[in-house]
Amino acid sequence: MCFVLYAGTEKALKLRSWQETKPDLSVESLTERDQPIKVHFSKPEVQHIGSTAGCGCDFPHVTLQDGEWLTFEDDEVDTEQEEKKKYNRKALVCLLQESGERTVELYGVWDGDFDKFPKTTEDIPLQRILDPDFLFKEQGLYRVKIDNQPEKI
């Protein structure tokens, strides 16, 4: 099962298809299957944001189990995976900066859990996503405040 991330905005983000030969972020319209996710957003436009994995699995995230978010520590650092997470963080921040929005809502769940309500709601500045310790919480709804003064990332 995959982690999936959705963005709520005032105006639709520019669509981007995921390409297996050149993996990057994608922005896709909702399908009939994931339409129920819209109930969690106050913004009129809701779209799926895919990571370099196509789904959201390359976005850093943490799993909800028995009411707690669990992280899995590994003694060995997977440099390739860490680089993917870093790249996806930066690409997501750039995408949100380019949106022209002042606030974007992000909600991440396991694929198929579209009707599950948020377990937490957090207001965060856009730059928080770049922090190495930032993890999207499963069933976490984020209201991301965007400073539209582009910074070099």
C-alpha atoms as a PDB file:
ATOM      1  CA  MET A   1       0.000   0.000   0.000  1.00  0.00           C
ATOM      2  CA  CYS A   2       1.218   3.509  -0.798  1.00  0.00           C
ATOM      3  CA  PHE A   3       1.214   6.833   0.985  1.00  0.00           C
ATOM      4  CA  VAL A   4      -0.641   9.444  -1.093  1.00  0.00           C
ATOM      5  CA  LEU A   5      -0.576  13.228  -0.779  1.00  0.00           C
ATOM      6  CA  TYR A   6      -3.273  15.678  -1.838  1.00  0.00           C
ATOM      7  CA  ALA A   7      -3.203  19.465  -2.151  1.00  0.00           C
ATOM      8  CA  GLY A   8      -6.116  21.849  -1.716  1.00  0.00           C
ATOM      9  CA  THR A   9      -5.844  25.234  -3.431  1.00  0.00           C
ATOM     10  CA  GLU A  10      -8.009  28.145  -4.607  1.00  0.00           C
ATOM     11  CA  LYS A  11      -6.947  27.640  -8.225  1.00  0.00           C
ATOM     12  CA  ALA A  12      -5.942  24.326  -9.768  1.00  0.00           C
ATOM     13  CA  LEU A  13      -2.235  23.623 -10.001  1.00  0.00           C
ATOM     14  CA  LYS A  14      -0.831  23.017 -13.457  1.00  0.00           C
ATOM     15  CA  LEU A  15      -1.182  19.316 -14.293  1.00  0.00           C
ATOM     16  CA  ARG A  16       2.004  17.278 -14.663  1.00  0.00           C
ATOM     17  CA  SER A  17       2.056  13.629 -15.635  1.00  0.00           C
ATOM     18  CA  TRP A  18       4.367  11.189 -13.897  1.00  0.00           C
ATOM     19  CA  GLN A  19       6.862   9.615 -16.267  1.00  0.00           C
ATOM     20  CA  GLU A  20       8.613   6.375 -15.431  1.00  0.00           C
ATOM     21  CA  THR A  21      11.581   7.266 -17.644  1.00  0.00           C
ATOM     22  CA  LYS A  22      12.089  10.617 -15.879  1.00  0.00           C
ATOM     23  CA  PRO A  23      10.530  10.426 -12.398  1.00  0.00           C
ATOM     24  CA  ASP A  24       9.582  13.770 -10.884  1.00  0.00           C
ATOM     25  CA  LEU A  25       6.648  15.297  -9.050  1.00  0.00           C
ATOM     26  CA  SER A  26       3.280  14.917 -10.708  1.00  0.00           C
ATOM     27  CA  VAL A  27       0.038  16.822 -10.274  1.00  0.00           C
ATOM     28  CA  GLU A  28      -3.098  14.956 -11.259  1.00  0.00           C
ATOM     29  CA  SER A  29      -6.820  15.579 -11.123  1.00  0.00           C
ATOM     30  CA  LEU A  30      -8.855  13.431  -8.784  1.00  0.00           C
ATOM     31  CA  THR A  31     -10.321  10.252 -10.169  1.00  0.00           C
ATOM     32  CA  GLU A  32     -13.743   8.921  -9.288  1.00  0.00           C
ATOM     33  CA  ARG A  33     -12.000   6.571  -6.854  1.00  0.00           C
ATOM     34  CA  ASP A  34     -10.330   9.290  -4.766  1.00  0.00           C
ATOM     35  CA  GLN A  35     -13.126  11.914  -4.948  1.00  0.00           C
ATOM     36  CA  PRO A  36     -14.077  11.270  -1.269  1.00  0.00           C
ATOM     37  CA  ILE A  37     -10.803  12.972  -0.191  1.00  0.00           C
ATOM     38  CA  LYS A  38     -12.355  16.365  -1.038  1.00  0.00           C
ATOM     39  CA  VAL A  39     -14.439  16.374   2.133  1.00  0.00           C
ATOM     40  CA  HIS A  40     -11.302  17.116   4.201  1.00  0.00           C
ATOM     41  CA  PHE A  41     -10.419  20.348   2.396  1.00  0.00           C
ATOM     42  CA  SER A  42     -11.757  23.880   2.723  1.00  0.00           C
ATOM     43  CA  LYS A  43     -10.227  24.860  -0.640  1.00  0.00           C
ATOM     44  CA  PRO A  44     -12.256  24.275  -3.830  1.00  0.00           C
ATOM     45  CA  GLU A  45      -9.504  22.607  -5.905  1.00  0.00           C
ATOM     46  CA  VAL A  46      -8.074  19.291  -4.715  1.00  0.00           C
ATOM     47  CA  GLN A  47      -5.416  17.392  -6.645  1.00  0.00           C
ATOM     48  CA  HIS A  48      -3.142  14.397  -6.144  1.00  0.00           C
ATOM     49  CA  ILE A  49       0.566  15.245  -5.755  1.00  0.00           C
ATOM     50  CA  GLY A  50       2.819  12.366  -6.691  1.00  0.00           C
ATOM     51  CA  SER A  51       6.451  12.050  -5.660  1.00  0.00           C
ATOM     52  CA  THR A  52       9.261  10.648  -7.777  1.00  0.00           C
ATOM     53  CA  ALA A  53       7.822   7.210  -6.936  1.00  0.00           C
ATOM     54  CA  GLY A  54       4.574   8.112  -8.730  1.00  0.00           C
ATOM     55  CA  CYS A  55       2.623   7.707  -5.506  1.00  0.00           C
ATOM     56  CA  GLY A  56       3.628   9.657  -2.395  1.00  0.00           C
ATOM     57  CA  CYS A  57       6.024   7.090  -0.963  1.00  0.00           C
ATOM     58  CA  ASP A  58       9.110   9.219  -1.704  1.00  0.00           C
ATOM     59  CA  PHE A  59       7.721  12.052   0.429  1.00  0.00           C
ATOM     60  CA  PRO A  60       9.045  11.655   3.979  1.00  0.00           C
ATOM     61  CA  HIS A  61       6.158  10.332   6.057  1.00  0.00           C
ATOM     62  CA  VAL A  62       5.346   8.565   9.280  1.00  0.00           C
ATOM     63  CA  THR A  63       2.762   5.852   9.910  1.00  0.00           C
ATOM     64  CA  LEU A  64      -0.146   6.048  12.331  1.00  0.00           C
ATOM     65  CA  GLN A  65      -0.509   2.888  14.411  1.00  0.00           C
ATOM     66  CA  ASP A  66      -2.600   2.493  17.550  1.00  0.00           C
ATOM     67  CA  GLY A  67      -3.025   6.262  17.752  1.00  0.00           C
ATOM     68  CA  GLU A  68       0.705   7.059  17.528  1.00  0.00           C
ATOM     69  CA  TRP A  69       2.972   8.030  14.662  1.00  0.00           C
ATOM     70  CA  LEU A  70       5.740   5.486  14.368  1.00  0.00           C
ATOM     71  CA  THR A  71       9.101   6.063  12.816  1.00  0.00           C
ATOM     72  CA  PHE A  72      11.301   3.177  11.878  1.00  0.00           C
ATOM     73  CA  GLU A  73      14.896   3.832  12.772  1.00  0.00           C
ATOM     74  CA  ASP A  74      17.499   1.956  10.819  1.00  0.00           C
ATOM     75  CA  ASP A  75      21.079   1.713  11.960  1.00  0.00           C
ATOM     76  CA  GLU A  76      22.208   1.955   8.345  1.00  0.00           C
ATOM     77  CA  VAL A  77      21.493   5.182   6.526  1.00  0.00           C
ATOM     78  CA  ASP A  78      20.137   4.599   3.018  1.00  0.00           C
ATOM     79  CA  THR A  79      21.840   7.477   1.209  1.00  0.00           C
ATOM     80  CA  GLU A  80      19.834   6.969  -1.987  1.00  0.00           C
ATOM     81  CA  GLN A  81      16.516   7.075  -0.102  1.00  0.00           C
ATOM     82  CA  GLU A  82      17.602  10.147   1.864  1.00  0.00           C
ATOM     83  CA  GLU A  83      18.512  11.908  -1.403  1.00  0.00           C
ATOM     84  CA  LYS A  84      15.081  11.037  -2.854  1.00  0.00           C
ATOM     85  CA  LYS A  85      13.337  12.478   0.202  1.00  0.00           C
ATOM     86  CA  LYS A  86      15.463  15.625   0.038  1.00  0.00           C
ATOM     87  CA  TYR A  87      14.742  16.053  -3.674  1.00  0.00           C
ATOM     88  CA  ASN A  88      10.990  15.536  -3.152  1.00  0.00           C
ATOM     89  CA  ARG A  89      10.912  18.046  -0.271  1.00  0.00           C
ATOM     90  CA  LYS A  90      12.586  20.686  -2.437  1.00  0.00           C
ATOM     91  CA  ALA A  91      10.432  19.939  -5.476  1.00  0.00           C
ATOM     92  CA  LEU A  92       7.247  20.163  -3.387  1.00  0.00           C
ATOM     93  CA  VAL A  93       8.318  23.494  -1.895  1.00  0.00           C
ATOM     94  CA  CYS A  94       9.058  24.846  -5.391  1.00  0.00           C
ATOM     95  CA  LEU A  95       5.697  23.596  -6.688  1.00  0.00           C
ATOM     96  CA  LEU A  96       3.839  25.291  -3.841  1.00  0.00           C
ATOM     97  CA  GLN A  97       5.818  28.532  -4.229  1.00  0.00           C
ATOM     98  CA  GLU A  98       4.997  28.600  -7.947  1.00  0.00           C
ATOM     99  CA  SER A  99       1.285  28.130  -7.230  1.00  0.00           C
ATOM    100  CA  GLY A 100       0.746  31.782  -6.345  1.00  0.00           C
ATOM    101  CA  GLU A 101      -1.336  30.654  -3.361  1.00  0.00           C
ATOM    102  CA  ARG A 102      -0.965  32.188   0.092  1.00  0.00           C
ATOM    103  CA  THR A 103      -1.999  28.986   1.837  1.00  0.00           C
ATOM    104  CA  VAL A 104      -2.134  25.422   0.549  1.00  0.00           C
ATOM    105  CA  GLU A 105      -3.707  22.514   2.383  1.00  0.00           C
ATOM    106  CA  LEU A 106      -1.871  19.181   2.240  1.00  0.00           C
ATOM    107  CA  TYR A 107      -3.358  15.899   3.427  1.00  0.00           C
ATOM    108  CA  GLY A 108      -1.602  12.536   3.355  1.00  0.00           C
ATOM    109  CA  VAL A 109      -3.193   9.115   3.830  1.00  0.00           C
ATOM    110  CA  TRP A 110      -2.676   5.522   2.791  1.00  0.00           C
ATOM    111  CA  ASP A 111      -4.083   4.865  -0.656  1.00  0.00           C
ATOM    112  CA  GLY A 112      -7.743   3.932  -0.290  1.00  0.00           C
ATOM    113  CA  ASP A 113      -8.246   5.640   3.095  1.00  0.00           C
ATOM    114  CA  PHE A 114      -9.803   8.683   1.459  1.00  0.00           C
ATOM    115  CA  ASP A 115     -12.725   8.943   3.870  1.00  0.00           C
ATOM    116  CA  LYS A 116     -10.567   8.795   7.021  1.00  0.00           C
ATOM    117  CA  PHE A 117     -10.668  12.096   8.855  1.00  0.00           C
ATOM    118  CA  PRO A 118      -7.514  13.918   9.942  1.00  0.00           C
ATOM    119  CA  LYS A 119      -5.986  12.847  13.240  1.00  0.00           C
ATOM    120  CA  THR A 120      -4.055  16.106  13.439  1.00  0.00           C
ATOM    121  CA  THR A 121      -4.182  19.531  11.848  1.00  0.00           C
ATOM    122  CA  GLU A 122      -1.094  21.717  11.780  1.00  0.00           C
ATOM    123  CA  ASP A 123      -0.288  25.193  10.525  1.00  0.00           C
ATOM    124  CA  ILE A 124       3.258  25.279   9.187  1.00  0.00           C
ATOM    125  CA  PRO A 125       5.405  27.678   7.170  1.00  0.00           C
ATOM    126  CA  LEU A 126       6.406  26.383   3.750  1.00  0.00           C
ATOM    127  CA  GLN A 127      10.085  26.198   4.688  1.00  0.00           C
ATOM    128  CA  ARG A 128       9.285  23.648   7.443  1.00  0.00           C
ATOM    129  CA  ILE A 129       8.894  21.006   4.721  1.00  0.00           C
ATOM    130  CA  LEU A 130      12.612  21.399   3.952  1.00  0.00           C
ATOM    131  CA  ASP A 131      13.685  20.488   7.495  1.00  0.00           C
ATOM    132  CA  PRO A 132      15.437  17.089   7.522  1.00  0.00           C
ATOM    133  CA  ASP A 133      13.321  16.020  10.515  1.00  0.00           C
ATOM    134  CA  PHE A 134       9.984  16.899   8.862  1.00  0.00           C
ATOM    135  CA  LEU A 135       7.724  13.923   8.178  1.00  0.00           C
ATOM    136  CA  PHE A 136       4.181  14.059   6.829  1.00  0.00           C
ATOM    137  CA  LYS A 137       1.967  12.418   9.402  1.00  0.00           C
ATOM    138  CA  GLU A 138      -0.438   9.858   8.031  1.00  0.00           C
ATOM    139  CA  GLN A 139      -3.907  11.417   8.356  1.00  0.00           C
ATOM    140  CA  GLY A 140      -2.234  14.763   9.010  1.00  0.00           C
ATOM    141  CA  LEU A 141      -3.786  17.862   7.463  1.00  0.00           C
ATOM    142  CA  TYR A 142      -1.329  20.710   6.983  1.00  0.00           C
ATOM    143  CA  ARG A 143      -2.192  24.318   6.288  1.00  0.00           C
ATOM    144  CA  VAL A 144       0.998  25.525   4.663  1.00  0.00           C
ATOM    145  CA  LYS A 145       1.626  29.275   4.767  1.00  0.00           C
ATOM    146  CA  ILE A 146       3.521  30.355   1.687  1.00  0.00           C
ATOM    147  CA  ASP A 147       5.768  33.388   1.684  1.00  0.00           C
ATOM    148  CA  ASN A 148       5.693  34.256  -1.991  1.00  0.00           C
ATOM    149  CA  GLN A 149       9.141  35.750  -1.815  1.00  0.00           C
ATOM    150  CA  PRO A 150      11.005  32.986  -3.662  1.00  0.00           C
ATOM    151  CA  GLU A 151      14.143  31.814  -1.939  1.00  0.00           C
ATOM    152  CA  LYS A 152      16.955  29.925  -3.553  1.00  0.00           C
ATOM    153  CA  ILE A 153      16.494  26.313  -2.683  1.00  0.00           C
END
